[in-house]
């Protein structure tokens, strides 16, 4: 346990940052899950809408520093590829 005044403050700050980072990462997981569920429901419109909602959340998390910029870029890229492949396959079936 920290004893110095500065160490106590650093401990408080670390706890606040950890809580903020965990909340941001949980939010990312939720929006990615929403995209996956829309794909599982075979709904192209829902999938595209969920993707449009997910991209700003992922980018904002990277800007705030909870995840690395390239990690966010990779997540967006993979989600976009998955949704585009799904949409093109549904259009080919129709």
PDB file of N, CA and C in Angstrom:
ATOM      1  N   UNK A   1       0.848  -1.180   0.000  1.00  0.00           N
ATOM      2  CA  UNK A   1       0.000   0.000   0.000  1.00  0.00           C
ATOM      3  C   UNK A   1       0.889   1.237   0.000  1.00  0.00           C
ATOM      4  N   UNK A   2       0.460   2.241  -0.741  1.00  0.00           N
ATOM      5  CA  UNK A   2       1.224   3.483  -0.853  1.00  0.00           C
ATOM      6  C   UNK A   2       1.127   4.281   0.438  1.00  0.00           C
ATOM      7  N   UNK A   3       2.242   4.915   0.781  1.00  0.00           N
ATOM      8  CA  UNK A   3       2.279   5.713   2.007  1.00  0.00           C
ATOM      9  C   UNK A   3       2.492   7.189   1.727  1.00  0.00           C
ATOM     10  N   UNK A   4       3.283   7.528   0.736  1.00  0.00           N
ATOM     11  CA  UNK A   4       3.550   8.933   0.444  1.00  0.00           C
ATOM     12  C   UNK A   4       2.347   9.574  -0.224  1.00  0.00           C
ATOM     13  N   UNK A   5       2.261  10.880  -0.039  1.00  0.00           N
ATOM     14  CA  UNK A   5       1.138  11.615  -0.596  1.00  0.00           C
ATOM     15  C   UNK A   5       1.077  11.453  -2.123  1.00  0.00           C
ATOM     16  N   UNK A   6       2.224  11.546  -2.764  1.00  0.00           N
ATOM     17  CA  UNK A   6       2.266  11.423  -4.227  1.00  0.00           C
ATOM     18  C   UNK A   6       1.904  10.006  -4.671  1.00  0.00           C
ATOM     19  N   UNK A   7       2.318   9.016  -3.900  1.00  0.00           N
ATOM     20  CA  UNK A   7       2.013   7.627  -4.242  1.00  0.00           C
ATOM     21  C   UNK A   7       0.520   7.347  -4.066  1.00  0.00           C
ATOM     22  N   UNK A   8      -0.089   7.950  -3.062  1.00  0.00           N
ATOM     23  CA  UNK A   8      -1.526   7.800  -2.860  1.00  0.00           C
ATOM     24  C   UNK A   8      -2.296   8.397  -4.034  1.00  0.00           C
ATOM     25  N   UNK A   9      -1.848   9.574  -4.471  1.00  0.00           N
ATOM     26  CA  UNK A   9      -2.498  10.233  -5.609  1.00  0.00           C
ATOM     27  C   UNK A   9      -2.335   9.386  -6.870  1.00  0.00           C
ATOM     28  N   UNK A  10      -1.133   8.880  -7.086  1.00  0.00           N
ATOM     29  CA  UNK A  10      -0.867   8.045  -8.265  1.00  0.00           C
ATOM     30  C   UNK A  10      -1.766   6.810  -8.244  1.00  0.00           C
ATOM     31  N   UNK A  11      -1.982   6.243  -7.064  1.00  0.00           N
ATOM     32  CA  UNK A  11      -2.851   5.077  -6.924  1.00  0.00           C
ATOM     33  C   UNK A  11      -4.294   5.425  -7.292  1.00  0.00           C
ATOM     34  N   UNK A  12      -4.759   6.583  -6.827  1.00  0.00           N
ATOM     35  CA  UNK A  12      -6.117   7.038  -7.163  1.00  0.00           C
ATOM     36  C   UNK A  12      -6.263   7.223  -8.673  1.00  0.00           C
ATOM     37  N   UNK A  13      -5.271   7.866  -9.281  1.00  0.00           N
ATOM     38  CA  UNK A  13      -5.316   8.124 -10.723  1.00  0.00           C
ATOM     39  C   UNK A  13      -5.325   6.817 -11.514  1.00  0.00           C
ATOM     40  N   UNK A  14      -4.510   5.875 -11.053  1.00  0.00           N
ATOM     41  CA  UNK A  14      -4.446   4.590 -11.751  1.00  0.00           C
ATOM     42  C   UNK A  14      -5.795   3.881 -11.714  1.00  0.00           C
ATOM     43  N   UNK A  15      -6.465   3.922 -10.565  1.00  0.00           N
ATOM     44  CA  UNK A  15      -7.771   3.281 -10.447  1.00  0.00           C
ATOM     45  C   UNK A  15      -8.795   3.937 -11.373  1.00  0.00           C
ATOM     46  N   UNK A  16      -8.758   5.272 -11.448  1.00  0.00           N
ATOM     47  CA  UNK A  16      -9.696   5.984 -12.322  1.00  0.00           C
ATOM     48  C   UNK A  16      -9.435   5.646 -13.781  1.00  0.00           C
ATOM     49  N   UNK A  17      -8.162   5.635 -14.170  1.00  0.00           N
ATOM     50  CA  UNK A  17      -7.806   5.319 -15.552  1.00  0.00           C
ATOM     51  C   UNK A  17      -8.205   3.882 -15.900  1.00  0.00           C
ATOM     52  N   UNK A  18      -7.958   2.977 -14.972  1.00  0.00           N
ATOM     53  CA  UNK A  18      -8.292   1.572 -15.219  1.00  0.00           C
ATOM     54  C   UNK A  18      -9.796   1.411 -15.430  1.00  0.00           C
ATOM     55  N   UNK A  19     -10.581   2.084 -14.597  1.00  0.00           N
ATOM     56  CA  UNK A  19     -12.034   2.002 -14.737  1.00  0.00           C
ATOM     57  C   UNK A  19     -12.484   2.584 -16.074  1.00  0.00           C
ATOM     58  N   UNK A  20     -11.884   3.697 -16.474  1.00  0.00           N
ATOM     59  CA  UNK A  20     -12.239   4.341 -17.733  1.00  0.00           C
ATOM     60  C   UNK A  20     -11.853   3.455 -18.917  1.00  0.00           C
ATOM     61  N   UNK A  21     -10.647   2.886 -18.867  1.00  0.00           N
ATOM     62  CA  UNK A  21     -10.190   2.021 -19.949  1.00  0.00           C
ATOM     63  C   UNK A  21     -11.055   0.775 -20.072  1.00  0.00           C
ATOM     64  N   UNK A  22     -11.408   0.187 -18.932  1.00  0.00           N
ATOM     65  CA  UNK A  22     -12.250  -1.014 -18.959  1.00  0.00           C
ATOM     66  C   UNK A  22     -13.616  -0.693 -19.547  1.00  0.00           C
ATOM     67  N   UNK A  23     -14.181   0.455 -19.189  1.00  0.00           N
ATOM     68  CA  UNK A  23     -15.489   0.844 -19.726  1.00  0.00           C
ATOM     69  C   UNK A  23     -15.409   1.030 -21.238  1.00  0.00           C
ATOM     70  N   UNK A  24     -14.334   1.684 -21.706  1.00  0.00           N
ATOM     71  CA  UNK A  24     -14.170   1.900 -23.145  1.00  0.00           C
ATOM     72  C   UNK A  24     -14.008   0.582 -23.885  1.00  0.00           C
ATOM     73  N   UNK A  25     -13.212  -0.330 -23.328  1.00  0.00           N
ATOM     74  CA  UNK A  25     -12.986  -1.613 -23.992  1.00  0.00           C
ATOM     75  C   UNK A  25     -14.268  -2.449 -24.004  1.00  0.00           C
ATOM     76  N   UNK A  26     -15.051  -2.369 -22.948  1.00  0.00           N
ATOM     77  CA  UNK A  26     -16.322  -3.081 -22.893  1.00  0.00           C
ATOM     78  C   UNK A  26     -17.275  -2.543 -23.953  1.00  0.00           C
ATOM     79  N   UNK A  27     -17.257  -1.212 -24.133  1.00  0.00           N
ATOM     80  CA  UNK A  27     -18.102  -0.595 -25.142  1.00  0.00           C
ATOM     81  C   UNK A  27     -17.736  -1.096 -26.541  1.00  0.00           C
ATOM     82  N   UNK A  28     -16.425  -1.223 -26.796  1.00  0.00           N
ATOM     83  CA  UNK A  28     -15.966  -1.741 -28.088  1.00  0.00           C
ATOM     84  C   UNK A  28     -16.480  -3.161 -28.303  1.00  0.00           C
ATOM     85  N   UNK A  29     -16.333  -4.001 -27.284  1.00  0.00           N
ATOM     86  CA  UNK A  29     -16.782  -5.383 -27.407  1.00  0.00           C
ATOM     87  C   UNK A  29     -18.279  -5.440 -27.687  1.00  0.00           C
ATOM     88  N   UNK A  30     -19.047  -4.550 -27.076  1.00  0.00           N
ATOM     89  CA  UNK A  30     -20.497  -4.540 -27.266  1.00  0.00           C
ATOM     90  C   UNK A  30     -20.871  -4.168 -28.696  1.00  0.00           C
ATOM     91  N   UNK A  31     -20.207  -3.145 -29.254  1.00  0.00           N
ATOM     92  CA  UNK A  31     -20.568  -2.737 -30.610  1.00  0.00           C
ATOM     93  C   UNK A  31     -20.127  -3.782 -31.636  1.00  0.00           C
ATOM     94  N   UNK A  32     -19.003  -4.448 -31.392  1.00  0.00           N
ATOM     95  CA  UNK A  32     -18.557  -5.513 -32.291  1.00  0.00           C
ATOM     96  C   UNK A  32     -19.542  -6.684 -32.222  1.00  0.00           C
ATOM     97  N   UNK A  33     -20.008  -6.980 -31.019  1.00  0.00           N
ATOM     98  CA  UNK A  33     -20.985  -8.045 -30.846  1.00  0.00           C
ATOM     99  C   UNK A  33     -22.287  -7.714 -31.573  1.00  0.00           C
ATOM    100  N   UNK A  34     -22.677  -6.437 -31.563  1.00  0.00           N
ATOM    101  CA  UNK A  34     -23.890  -6.022 -32.261  1.00  0.00           C
ATOM    102  C   UNK A  34     -23.758  -6.244 -33.761  1.00  0.00           C
ATOM    103  N   UNK A  35     -22.575  -5.976 -34.308  1.00  0.00           N
ATOM    104  CA  UNK A  35     -22.336  -6.220 -35.734  1.00  0.00           C
ATOM    105  C   UNK A  35     -22.421  -7.719 -36.020  1.00  0.00           C
ATOM    106  N   UNK A  36     -21.788  -8.522 -35.174  1.00  0.00           N
ATOM    107  CA  UNK A  36     -21.815  -9.971 -35.362  1.00  0.00           C
ATOM    108  C   UNK A  36     -23.239 -10.528 -35.294  1.00  0.00           C
ATOM    109  N   UNK A  37     -24.030 -10.007 -34.358  1.00  0.00           N
ATOM    110  CA  UNK A  37     -25.412 -10.476 -34.227  1.00  0.00           C
ATOM    111  C   UNK A  37     -26.241 -10.101 -35.451  1.00  0.00           C
ATOM    112  N   UNK A  38     -25.990  -8.910 -35.996  1.00  0.00           N
ATOM    113  CA  UNK A  38     -26.714  -8.487 -37.195  1.00  0.00           C
ATOM    114  C   UNK A  38     -26.368  -9.397 -38.369  1.00  0.00           C
ATOM    115  N   UNK A  39     -25.098  -9.801 -38.463  1.00  0.00           N
ATOM    116  CA  UNK A  39     -24.691 -10.729 -39.522  1.00  0.00           C
ATOM    117  C   UNK A  39     -25.342 -12.093 -39.299  1.00  0.00           C
ATOM    118  N   UNK A  40     -25.393 -12.524 -38.038  1.00  0.00           N
ATOM    119  CA  UNK A  40     -25.996 -13.818 -37.721  1.00  0.00           C
ATOM    120  C   UNK A  40     -27.492 -13.833 -38.036  1.00  0.00           C
ATOM    121  N   UNK A  41     -28.147 -12.673 -37.902  1.00  0.00           N
ATOM    122  CA  UNK A  41     -29.571 -12.565 -38.222  1.00  0.00           C
ATOM    123  C   UNK A  41     -29.821 -12.497 -39.722  1.00  0.00           C
ATOM    124  N   UNK A  42     -28.752 -12.437 -40.506  1.00  0.00           N
ATOM    125  CA  UNK A  42     -28.843 -12.354 -41.969  1.00  0.00           C
ATOM    126  C   UNK A  42     -29.533 -11.067 -42.418  1.00  0.00           C
ATOM    127  N   UNK A  43     -29.268  -9.972 -41.691  1.00  0.00           N
ATOM    128  CA  UNK A  43     -29.863  -8.686 -42.025  1.00  0.00           C
ATOM    129  C   UNK A  43     -28.766  -7.731 -42.499  1.00  0.00           C
ATOM    130  N   UNK A  44     -28.748  -7.457 -43.798  1.00  0.00           N
ATOM    131  CA  UNK A  44     -27.703  -6.599 -44.360  1.00  0.00           C
ATOM    132  C   UNK A  44     -27.844  -5.163 -43.873  1.00  0.00           C
ATOM    133  N   UNK A  45     -29.085  -4.665 -43.793  1.00  0.00           N
ATOM    134  CA  UNK A  45     -29.284  -3.283 -43.348  1.00  0.00           C
ATOM    135  C   UNK A  45     -28.849  -3.097 -41.903  1.00  0.00           C
ATOM    136  N   UNK A  46     -29.220  -4.060 -41.055  1.00  0.00           N
ATOM    137  CA  UNK A  46     -28.814  -3.983 -39.647  1.00  0.00           C
ATOM    138  C   UNK A  46     -27.298  -4.057 -39.509  1.00  0.00           C
ATOM    139  N   UNK A  47     -26.677  -4.913 -40.301  1.00  0.00           N
ATOM    140  CA  UNK A  47     -25.223  -5.072 -40.229  1.00  0.00           C
ATOM    141  C   UNK A  47     -24.518  -3.780 -40.622  1.00  0.00           C
ATOM    142  N   UNK A  48     -24.973  -3.153 -41.694  1.00  0.00           N
ATOM    143  CA  UNK A  48     -24.363  -1.896 -42.120  1.00  0.00           C
ATOM    144  C   UNK A  48     -24.605  -0.791 -41.106  1.00  0.00           C
ATOM    145  N   UNK A  49     -25.794  -0.748 -40.538  1.00  0.00           N
ATOM    146  CA  UNK A  49     -26.096   0.249 -39.508  1.00  0.00           C
ATOM    147  C   UNK A  49     -25.255   0.044 -38.256  1.00  0.00           C
ATOM    148  N   UNK A  50     -25.099  -1.220 -37.865  1.00  0.00           N
ATOM    149  CA  UNK A  50     -24.287  -1.515 -36.681  1.00  0.00           C
ATOM    150  C   UNK A  50     -22.830  -1.166 -36.933  1.00  0.00           C
ATOM    151  N   UNK A  51     -22.365  -1.390 -38.161  1.00  0.00           N
ATOM    152  CA  UNK A  51     -20.991  -1.027 -38.505  1.00  0.00           C
ATOM    153  C   UNK A  51     -20.808   0.482 -38.435  1.00  0.00           C
ATOM    154  N   UNK A  52     -21.772   1.231 -38.978  1.00  0.00           N
ATOM    155  CA  UNK A  52     -21.686   2.694 -38.924  1.00  0.00           C
ATOM    156  C   UNK A  52     -21.682   3.206 -37.487  1.00  0.00           C
ATOM    157  N   UNK A  53     -22.353   2.494 -36.590  1.00  0.00           N
ATOM    158  CA  UNK A  53     -22.365   2.885 -35.172  1.00  0.00           C
ATOM    159  C   UNK A  53     -21.081   2.457 -34.473  1.00  0.00           C
ATOM    160  N   UNK A  54     -20.472   1.364 -34.944  1.00  0.00           N
ATOM    161  CA  UNK A  54     -19.293   0.814 -34.264  1.00  0.00           C
ATOM    162  C   UNK A  54     -18.015   1.591 -34.571  1.00  0.00           C
ATOM    163  N   UNK A  55     -17.865   2.057 -35.792  1.00  0.00           N
ATOM    164  CA  UNK A  55     -16.611   2.700 -36.197  1.00  0.00           C
ATOM    165  C   UNK A  55     -16.271   3.912 -35.325  1.00  0.00           C
ATOM    166  N   UNK A  56     -17.197   4.851 -35.082  1.00  0.00           N
ATOM    167  CA  UNK A  56     -16.829   5.993 -34.224  1.00  0.00           C
ATOM    168  C   UNK A  56     -16.470   5.593 -32.797  1.00  0.00           C
ATOM    169  N   UNK A  57     -17.133   4.569 -32.287  1.00  0.00           N
ATOM    170  CA  UNK A  57     -16.837   4.115 -30.918  1.00  0.00           C
ATOM    171  C   UNK A  57     -15.410   3.581 -30.841  1.00  0.00           C
ATOM    172  N   UNK A  58     -15.031   2.782 -31.837  1.00  0.00           N
ATOM    173  CA  UNK A  58     -13.691   2.203 -31.855  1.00  0.00           C
ATOM    174  C   UNK A  58     -12.640   3.292 -32.019  1.00  0.00           C
ATOM    175  N   UNK A  59     -12.887   4.230 -32.938  1.00  0.00           N
ATOM    176  CA  UNK A  59     -11.918   5.308 -33.171  1.00  0.00           C
ATOM    177  C   UNK A  59     -11.780   6.217 -31.954  1.00  0.00           C
ATOM    178  N   UNK A  60     -12.894   6.495 -31.304  1.00  0.00           N
ATOM    179  CA  UNK A  60     -12.845   7.366 -30.128  1.00  0.00           C
ATOM    180  C   UNK A  60     -12.060   6.710 -28.999  1.00  0.00           C
ATOM    181  N   UNK A  61     -12.184   5.402 -28.861  1.00  0.00           N
ATOM    182  CA  UNK A  61     -11.438   4.683 -27.835  1.00  0.00           C
ATOM    183  C   UNK A  61      -9.940   4.771 -28.096  1.00  0.00           C
ATOM    184  N   UNK A  62      -9.557   4.711 -29.370  1.00  0.00           N
ATOM    185  CA  UNK A  62      -8.139   4.836 -29.716  1.00  0.00           C
ATOM    186  C   UNK A  62      -7.642   6.245 -29.439  1.00  0.00           C
ATOM    187  N   UNK A  63      -8.453   7.232 -29.754  1.00  0.00           N
ATOM    188  CA  UNK A  63      -8.061   8.623 -29.519  1.00  0.00           C
ATOM    189  C   UNK A  63      -7.849   8.869 -28.030  1.00  0.00           C
ATOM    190  N   UNK A  64      -8.689   8.271 -27.204  1.00  0.00           N
ATOM    191  CA  UNK A  64      -8.568   8.448 -25.755  1.00  0.00           C
ATOM    192  C   UNK A  64      -7.415   7.663 -25.168  1.00  0.00           C
ATOM    193  N   UNK A  65      -6.856   6.719 -25.948  1.00  0.00           N
ATOM    194  CA  UNK A  65      -5.671   5.998 -25.491  1.00  0.00           C
ATOM    195  C   UNK A  65      -5.949   4.682 -24.797  1.00  0.00           C
ATOM    196  N   UNK A  66      -7.191   4.240 -24.792  1.00  0.00           N
ATOM    197  CA  UNK A  66      -7.496   2.957 -24.159  1.00  0.00           C
ATOM    198  C   UNK A  66      -6.944   1.787 -24.966  1.00  0.00           C
ATOM    199  N   UNK A  67      -6.937   1.947 -26.296  1.00  0.00           N
ATOM    200  CA  UNK A  67      -6.306   0.956 -27.161  1.00  0.00           C
ATOM    201  C   UNK A  67      -5.392   1.698 -28.129  1.00  0.00           C
ATOM    202  N   UNK A  68      -4.487   0.975 -28.749  1.00  0.00           N
ATOM    203  CA  UNK A  68      -3.549   1.579 -29.685  1.00  0.00           C
ATOM    204  C   UNK A  68      -4.262   1.938 -30.987  1.00  0.00           C
ATOM    205  N   UNK A  69      -3.754   2.953 -31.661  1.00  0.00           N
ATOM    206  CA  UNK A  69      -4.353   3.429 -32.905  1.00  0.00           C
ATOM    207  C   UNK A  69      -4.411   2.331 -33.972  1.00  0.00           C
ATOM    208  N   UNK A  70      -3.332   1.558 -34.074  1.00  0.00           N
ATOM    209  CA  UNK A  70      -3.296   0.498 -35.085  1.00  0.00           C
ATOM    210  C   UNK A  70      -4.229  -0.658 -34.715  1.00  0.00           C
ATOM    211  N   UNK A  71      -4.414  -0.897 -33.428  1.00  0.00           N
ATOM    212  CA  UNK A  71      -5.365  -1.911 -32.974  1.00  0.00           C
ATOM    213  C   UNK A  71      -6.777  -1.511 -33.404  1.00  0.00           C
ATOM    214  N   UNK A  72      -7.110  -0.236 -33.220  1.00  0.00           N
ATOM    215  CA  UNK A  72      -8.431   0.245 -33.618  1.00  0.00           C
ATOM    216  C   UNK A  72      -8.603   0.147 -35.122  1.00  0.00           C
ATOM    217  N   UNK A  73      -7.572   0.521 -35.849  1.00  0.00           N
ATOM    218  CA  UNK A  73      -7.629   0.459 -37.301  1.00  0.00           C
ATOM    219  C   UNK A  73      -7.841  -0.975 -37.777  1.00  0.00           C
ATOM    220  N   UNK A  74      -7.161  -1.911 -37.145  1.00  0.00           N
ATOM    221  CA  UNK A  74      -7.300  -3.316 -37.506  1.00  0.00           C
ATOM    222  C   UNK A  74      -8.718  -3.820 -37.227  1.00  0.00           C
ATOM    223  N   UNK A  75      -9.275  -3.432 -36.083  1.00  0.00           N
ATOM    224  CA  UNK A  75     -10.639  -3.854 -35.751  1.00  0.00           C
ATOM    225  C   UNK A  75     -11.646  -3.304 -36.764  1.00  0.00           C
ATOM    226  N   UNK A  76     -11.506  -2.032 -37.118  1.00  0.00           N
ATOM    227  CA  UNK A  76     -12.413  -1.408 -38.079  1.00  0.00           C
ATOM    228  C   UNK A  76     -12.289  -2.098 -39.432  1.00  0.00           C
ATOM    229  N   UNK A  77     -11.054  -2.347 -39.843  1.00  0.00           N
ATOM    230  CA  UNK A  77     -10.818  -2.978 -41.136  1.00  0.00           C
ATOM    231  C   UNK A  77     -11.438  -4.370 -41.202  1.00  0.00           C
ATOM    232  N   UNK A  78     -11.235  -5.155 -40.174  1.00  0.00           N
ATOM    233  CA  UNK A  78     -11.770  -6.520 -40.163  1.00  0.00           C
ATOM    234  C   UNK A  78     -13.289  -6.531 -40.127  1.00  0.00           C
ATOM    235  N   UNK A  79     -13.866  -5.626 -39.333  1.00  0.00           N
ATOM    236  CA  UNK A  79     -15.329  -5.541 -39.280  1.00  0.00           C
ATOM    237  C   UNK A  79     -15.895  -5.134 -40.634  1.00  0.00           C
ATOM    238  N   UNK A  80     -15.273  -4.149 -41.247  1.00  0.00           N
ATOM    239  CA  UNK A  80     -15.741  -3.660 -42.537  1.00  0.00           C
ATOM    240  C   UNK A  80     -15.666  -4.748 -43.592  1.00  0.00           C
ATOM    241  N   UNK A  81     -14.548  -5.484 -43.620  1.00  0.00           N
ATOM    242  CA  UNK A  81     -14.406  -6.576 -44.574  1.00  0.00           C
ATOM    243  C   UNK A  81     -15.484  -7.635 -44.364  1.00  0.00           C
ATOM    244  N   UNK A  82     -15.753  -7.950 -43.090  1.00  0.00           N
ATOM    245  CA  UNK A  82     -16.751  -8.974 -42.785  1.00  0.00           C
ATOM    246  C   UNK A  82     -18.150  -8.548 -43.235  1.00  0.00           C
ATOM    247  N   UNK A  83     -18.490  -7.276 -42.940  1.00  0.00           N
ATOM    248  CA  UNK A  83     -19.815  -6.775 -43.324  1.00  0.00           C
ATOM    249  C   UNK A  83     -19.925  -6.692 -44.844  1.00  0.00           C
ATOM    250  N   UNK A  84     -18.880  -6.196 -45.513  1.00  0.00           N
ATOM    251  CA  UNK A  84     -18.933  -6.089 -46.968  1.00  0.00           C
ATOM    252  C   UNK A  84     -19.066  -7.465 -47.628  1.00  0.00           C
ATOM    253  N   UNK A  85     -18.348  -8.442 -47.111  1.00  0.00           N
ATOM    254  CA  UNK A  85     -18.449  -9.797 -47.655  1.00  0.00           C
ATOM    255  C   UNK A  85     -19.850 -10.348 -47.448  1.00  0.00           C
ATOM    256  N   UNK A  86     -20.413 -10.087 -46.275  1.00  0.00           N
ATOM    257  CA  UNK A  86     -21.765 -10.563 -45.985  1.00  0.00           C
ATOM    258  C   UNK A  86     -22.782  -9.900 -46.903  1.00  0.00           C
ATOM    259  N   UNK A  87     -22.677  -8.588 -47.077  1.00  0.00           N
ATOM    260  CA  UNK A  87     -23.617  -7.855 -47.919  1.00  0.00           C
ATOM    261  C   UNK A  87     -23.515  -8.315 -49.366  1.00  0.00           C
ATOM    262  N   UNK A  88     -22.296  -8.496 -49.854  1.00  0.00           N
ATOM    263  CA  UNK A  88     -22.133  -8.934 -51.244  1.00  0.00           C
ATOM    264  C   UNK A  88     -22.657 -10.353 -51.446  1.00  0.00           C
ATOM    265  N   UNK A  89     -22.528 -11.197 -50.426  1.00  0.00           N
ATOM    266  CA  UNK A  89     -23.050 -12.569 -50.553  1.00  0.00           C
ATOM    267  C   UNK A  89     -24.577 -12.579 -50.533  1.00  0.00           C
ATOM    268  N   UNK A  90     -25.179 -11.681 -49.751  1.00  0.00           N
ATOM    269  CA  UNK A  90     -26.640 -11.621 -49.726  1.00  0.00           C
ATOM    270  C   UNK A  90     -27.186 -11.044 -51.023  1.00  0.00           C
ATOM    271  N   UNK A  91     -26.456 -10.113 -51.636  1.00  0.00           N
ATOM    272  CA  UNK A  91     -26.899  -9.550 -52.912  1.00  0.00           C
ATOM    273  C   UNK A  91     -26.735 -10.581 -54.028  1.00  0.00           C
ATOM    274  N   UNK A  92     -25.708 -11.408 -53.941  1.00  0.00           N
ATOM    275  CA  UNK A  92     -25.506 -12.441 -54.956  1.00  0.00           C
ATOM    276  C   UNK A  92     -26.608 -13.504 -54.884  1.00  0.00           C
ATOM    277  N   UNK A  93     -27.079 -13.771 -53.655  1.00  0.00           N
ATOM    278  CA  UNK A  93     -28.137 -14.766 -53.468  1.00  0.00           C
ATOM    279  C   UNK A  93     -29.485 -14.260 -54.005  1.00  0.00           C
ATOM    280  N   UNK A  94     -29.684 -12.943 -53.916  1.00  0.00           N
ATOM    281  CA  UNK A  94     -30.981 -12.373 -54.289  1.00  0.00           C
ATOM    282  C   UNK A  94     -31.185 -12.270 -55.786  1.00  0.00           C
TER     283      UNK A  94
END
